[in-house]
Amino acid sequence: MSMIPIRSAEFDGADCAPMAPGLAASLVQLLDSAQRSLDADRETAKASIARAWSLLRIEIDRTTVGAAQRSVPGALAGWQEHRVKAYVDTHLEDTIHIRDLAVVAQRSTAYFCRAFKRTFGETPHAFVIGRRLRRAVELMLTTDVALSEIAVTCGFTDQAHFCKVFRQHHGQSPAVWRRERRDIAPVTAATRGAGASWSPVRAASRTAS
């Protein structure tokens, strides 16, 4: 079985912030599943590794800080960048106003907008949408939560809004995207349902409805 190469360049400039415990557990269980399935079911093993890699890429994207961006005159300071990211990630299901982010960065709204664009290369609105989509992708890969619930949890108005934005960024609907990455193992009674009792490995093998 060919493994997915991990190039050291992928981690250049990565933050030293610890990985979220839930995500770390998901990665460990997916890789354990791949190891157990390696001889008996190579396709399931490959699928588990692919899902683990997708989650790892999400975490890298979430925590990577561009050193070059921080050196741009007028950009946000490192502490401001970290605070803004943390605020957005912990308030995804709420309405996030630019003035709220400016308060977090302790800057005026006008200054913040200019500095934000120089730091991240996009507007605060585009950045928030990107974070919401990353969180939605993570939930689609690791849980059985319905798309309608994922939409609200990630701050979209409803499922229709989520589907529209997702299609604009990924070129296909969330249902199709999810099914292509999880349609490996048959659905069993043990994998139905979602919430506190979900298991990353069982959830990852379920076909999305």
Protein backbone atom coordinates (compact mmCIF):
# COMPACT_ATOMS: atom_id res chain seq x y z
CA MET A 1 0.00 0.00 0.00
CA SER A 2 1.44 3.41 -0.95
CA MET A 3 1.60 5.84 1.92
CA ILE A 4 0.91 9.57 1.68
CA PRO A 5 4.25 11.39 1.92
CA ILE A 6 4.50 14.13 4.52
CA ARG A 7 6.98 16.76 3.33
CA SER A 8 8.75 18.79 5.97
CA ALA A 9 7.90 21.93 3.99
CA GLU A 10 4.26 21.34 4.84
CA PHE A 11 5.06 22.26 8.44
CA ASP A 12 7.32 25.26 7.81
CA GLY A 13 6.12 28.20 9.89
CA ALA A 14 3.65 26.07 11.85
CA ASP A 15 2.65 27.30 15.28
CA CYS A 16 3.71 25.48 18.41
CA ALA A 17 0.16 25.63 19.77
CA PRO A 18 -0.99 22.22 21.00
CA MET A 19 -3.38 20.23 18.87
CA ALA A 20 -6.95 20.07 20.12
CA PRO A 21 -7.39 16.87 22.22
CA GLY A 22 -10.46 15.78 20.27
CA LEU A 23 -8.69 16.11 16.94
CA ALA A 24 -5.61 14.32 18.24
CA ALA A 25 -7.82 11.43 19.43
CA SER A 26 -9.50 11.26 16.01
CA LEU A 27 -6.14 11.05 14.25
CA VAL A 28 -4.87 8.33 16.59
CA GLN A 29 -8.01 6.23 16.19
CA LEU A 30 -8.06 6.61 12.40
CA LEU A 31 -4.41 5.57 12.15
CA ASP A 32 -4.97 2.67 14.57
CA SER A 33 -7.86 1.54 12.38
CA ALA A 34 -5.64 1.78 9.30
CA GLN A 35 -2.96 -0.33 10.95
CA ARG A 36 -5.46 -3.02 11.97
CA SER A 37 -6.98 -3.11 8.48
CA LEU A 38 -3.72 -3.01 6.56
CA ASP A 39 -3.54 -6.74 5.75
CA ALA A 40 -7.23 -7.70 5.74
CA ASP A 41 -8.82 -4.66 4.11
CA ARG A 42 -6.38 -2.39 2.31
CA GLU A 43 -9.10 -0.12 0.92
CA THR A 44 -10.44 0.65 4.39
CA ALA A 45 -6.89 1.26 5.59
CA LYS A 46 -6.25 3.66 2.73
CA ALA A 47 -9.52 5.48 3.45
CA SER A 48 -8.64 5.87 7.14
CA ILE A 49 -5.23 7.28 6.25
CA ALA A 50 -6.78 9.68 3.74
CA ARG A 51 -9.24 10.96 6.35
CA ALA A 52 -6.47 11.33 8.93
CA TRP A 53 -4.42 13.29 6.41
CA SER A 54 -7.39 15.56 5.64
CA LEU A 55 -7.82 16.30 9.34
CA LEU A 56 -4.11 16.97 9.75
CA ARG A 57 -4.17 19.41 6.84
CA ILE A 58 -7.09 21.22 8.49
CA GLU A 59 -5.08 21.56 11.71
CA ILE A 60 -2.00 22.78 9.84
CA ASP A 61 -4.08 25.38 8.02
CA ARG A 62 -5.70 26.41 11.28
CA THR A 63 -2.45 26.97 13.18
CA THR A 64 0.02 28.03 10.51
CA VAL A 65 1.28 31.55 10.88
CA GLY A 66 3.14 33.11 7.95
CA ALA A 67 6.33 34.74 9.15
CA ALA A 68 6.50 36.80 5.98
CA GLN A 69 3.02 38.18 6.62
CA ARG A 70 3.95 39.26 10.14
CA SER A 71 6.86 41.30 8.76
CA VAL A 72 4.61 43.37 6.48
CA PRO A 73 4.41 46.97 7.70
CA GLY A 74 0.99 47.74 9.14
CA ALA A 75 0.10 44.07 9.68
CA LEU A 76 -1.31 42.73 12.93
CA ALA A 77 1.15 41.82 15.65
CA GLY A 78 1.55 38.14 16.48
CA TRP A 79 -0.51 38.35 19.65
CA GLN A 80 -3.30 40.16 17.81
CA GLU A 81 -3.32 37.53 15.07
CA HIS A 82 -3.56 34.71 17.59
CA ARG A 83 -6.33 36.43 19.54
CA VAL A 84 -8.38 37.09 16.42
CA LYS A 85 -8.04 33.49 15.22
CA ALA A 86 -8.99 32.14 18.65
CA TYR A 87 -11.99 34.45 18.89
CA VAL A 88 -13.28 33.46 15.46
CA ASP A 89 -12.81 29.74 16.10
CA THR A 90 -14.68 29.89 19.42
CA HIS A 91 -17.56 32.00 18.07
CA LEU A 92 -18.24 30.33 14.73
CA GLU A 93 -21.92 29.73 15.44
CA ASP A 94 -22.44 33.37 16.46
CA THR A 95 -22.66 36.46 14.28
CA ILE A 96 -19.14 37.87 14.14
CA HIS A 97 -18.90 41.60 13.49
CA ILE A 98 -15.76 43.39 12.38
CA ARG A 99 -16.06 45.71 15.37
CA ASP A 100 -15.90 42.68 17.67
CA LEU A 101 -12.65 41.53 16.05
CA ALA A 102 -11.26 45.07 16.26
CA VAL A 103 -11.96 45.10 20.00
CA VAL A 104 -10.16 41.76 20.38
CA ALA A 105 -7.14 43.23 18.56
CA GLN A 106 -7.45 46.46 20.56
CA ARG A 107 -7.48 48.61 17.45
CA SER A 108 -9.96 50.93 15.76
CA THR A 109 -12.22 49.31 13.17
CA ALA A 110 -10.63 51.22 10.29
CA TYR A 111 -7.07 50.37 11.35
CA PHE A 112 -8.02 46.76 12.04
CA CYS A 113 -9.52 46.21 8.57
CA ARG A 114 -6.37 47.49 6.86
CA ALA A 115 -4.06 45.52 9.13
CA PHE A 116 -6.16 42.36 8.80
CA LYS A 117 -5.99 42.44 5.00
CA ARG A 118 -2.21 42.90 5.13
CA THR A 119 -1.87 40.02 7.58
CA PHE A 120 -4.19 37.41 6.07
CA GLY A 121 -4.47 38.56 2.46
CA GLU A 122 -8.26 38.60 2.62
CA THR A 123 -11.10 40.47 4.26
CA PRO A 124 -12.35 39.53 7.75
CA HIS A 125 -15.60 38.29 6.18
CA ALA A 126 -13.77 35.94 3.80
CA PHE A 127 -11.56 34.73 6.64
CA VAL A 128 -14.54 33.91 8.86
CA ILE A 129 -16.24 32.03 6.01
CA GLY A 130 -13.05 30.04 5.48
CA ARG A 131 -12.88 29.10 9.17
CA ARG A 132 -16.52 28.05 9.13
CA LEU A 133 -15.95 25.85 6.11
CA ARG A 134 -12.88 24.23 7.68
CA ARG A 135 -14.87 23.43 10.81
CA ALA A 136 -17.72 22.04 8.72
CA VAL A 137 -15.31 19.82 6.80
CA GLU A 138 -13.87 18.53 10.07
CA LEU A 139 -17.35 17.67 11.37
CA MET A 140 -18.32 15.98 8.10
CA LEU A 141 -15.22 13.80 8.26
CA THR A 142 -15.42 12.82 11.92
CA THR A 143 -19.11 12.76 12.88
CA ASP A 144 -22.52 11.60 11.73
CA VAL A 145 -24.08 14.99 12.45
CA ALA A 146 -26.67 16.01 9.86
CA LEU A 147 -25.70 18.73 7.41
CA SER A 148 -28.48 20.96 8.71
CA GLU A 149 -26.99 20.82 12.21
CA ILE A 150 -23.44 21.32 10.94
CA ALA A 151 -24.62 24.40 9.05
CA VAL A 152 -26.02 26.04 12.20
CA THR A 153 -23.12 24.92 14.40
CA CYS A 154 -20.64 26.51 12.00
CA GLY A 155 -22.51 29.80 11.79
CA PHE A 156 -24.35 29.50 8.50
CA THR A 157 -27.92 30.76 8.34
CA ASP A 158 -29.28 27.34 7.40
CA GLN A 159 -28.42 24.27 5.33
CA ALA A 160 -29.26 26.03 2.05
CA HIS A 161 -26.83 28.84 2.86
CA PHE A 162 -24.15 26.32 3.86
CA CYS A 163 -24.63 24.33 0.66
CA LYS A 164 -24.39 27.45 -1.49
CA VAL A 165 -21.16 28.65 0.13
CA PHE A 166 -19.64 25.15 0.18
CA ARG A 167 -20.36 24.63 -3.52
CA GLN A 168 -18.77 27.99 -4.35
CA HIS A 169 -15.55 26.94 -2.63
CA HIS A 170 -15.41 23.20 -3.38
CA GLY A 171 -17.33 22.86 -6.63
CA GLN A 172 -19.79 20.29 -5.30
CA SER A 173 -22.47 19.97 -2.63
CA PRO A 174 -21.55 19.03 0.96
CA ALA A 175 -23.53 15.78 0.65
CA VAL A 176 -21.60 14.65 -2.43
CA TRP A 177 -18.26 15.77 -0.98
CA ARG A 178 -18.95 13.88 2.24
CA ARG A 179 -20.19 10.74 0.51
CA GLU A 180 -17.12 10.52 -1.74
CA ARG A 181 -14.83 10.54 1.29
CA ARG A 182 -16.83 8.30 3.60
CA ASP A 183 -18.64 5.83 1.36
CA ILE A 184 -16.34 2.95 2.25
CA ALA A 185 -17.92 0.73 4.89
CA PRO A 186 -21.60 -0.27 5.17
CA VAL A 187 -23.79 1.58 7.65
CA THR A 188 -24.42 -0.37 10.84
CA ALA A 189 -26.63 0.30 13.81
CA ALA A 190 -23.55 1.19 15.86
CA THR A 191 -22.68 4.10 13.57
CA ARG A 192 -26.07 5.76 13.56
CA GLY A 193 -26.70 8.89 15.56
CA ALA A 194 -24.41 11.68 16.63
CA GLY A 195 -23.47 13.74 19.64
CA ALA A 196 -21.32 12.98 22.66
CA SER A 197 -21.25 9.24 21.99
CA TRP A 198 -19.84 9.36 18.47
CA SER A 199 -16.61 7.54 17.73
CA PRO A 200 -14.22 9.09 15.16
CA VAL A 201 -13.41 5.73 13.58
CA ARG A 202 -16.99 4.47 13.42
CA ALA A 203 -18.26 7.83 12.24
CA ALA A 204 -15.62 8.06 9.54
CA SER A 205 -16.81 4.81 7.96
CA ARG A 206 -20.46 5.75 7.68
CA THR A 207 -22.04 6.68 4.39
CA ALA A 208 -23.48 10.18 4.61
CA SER A 209 -27.20 10.45 4.01
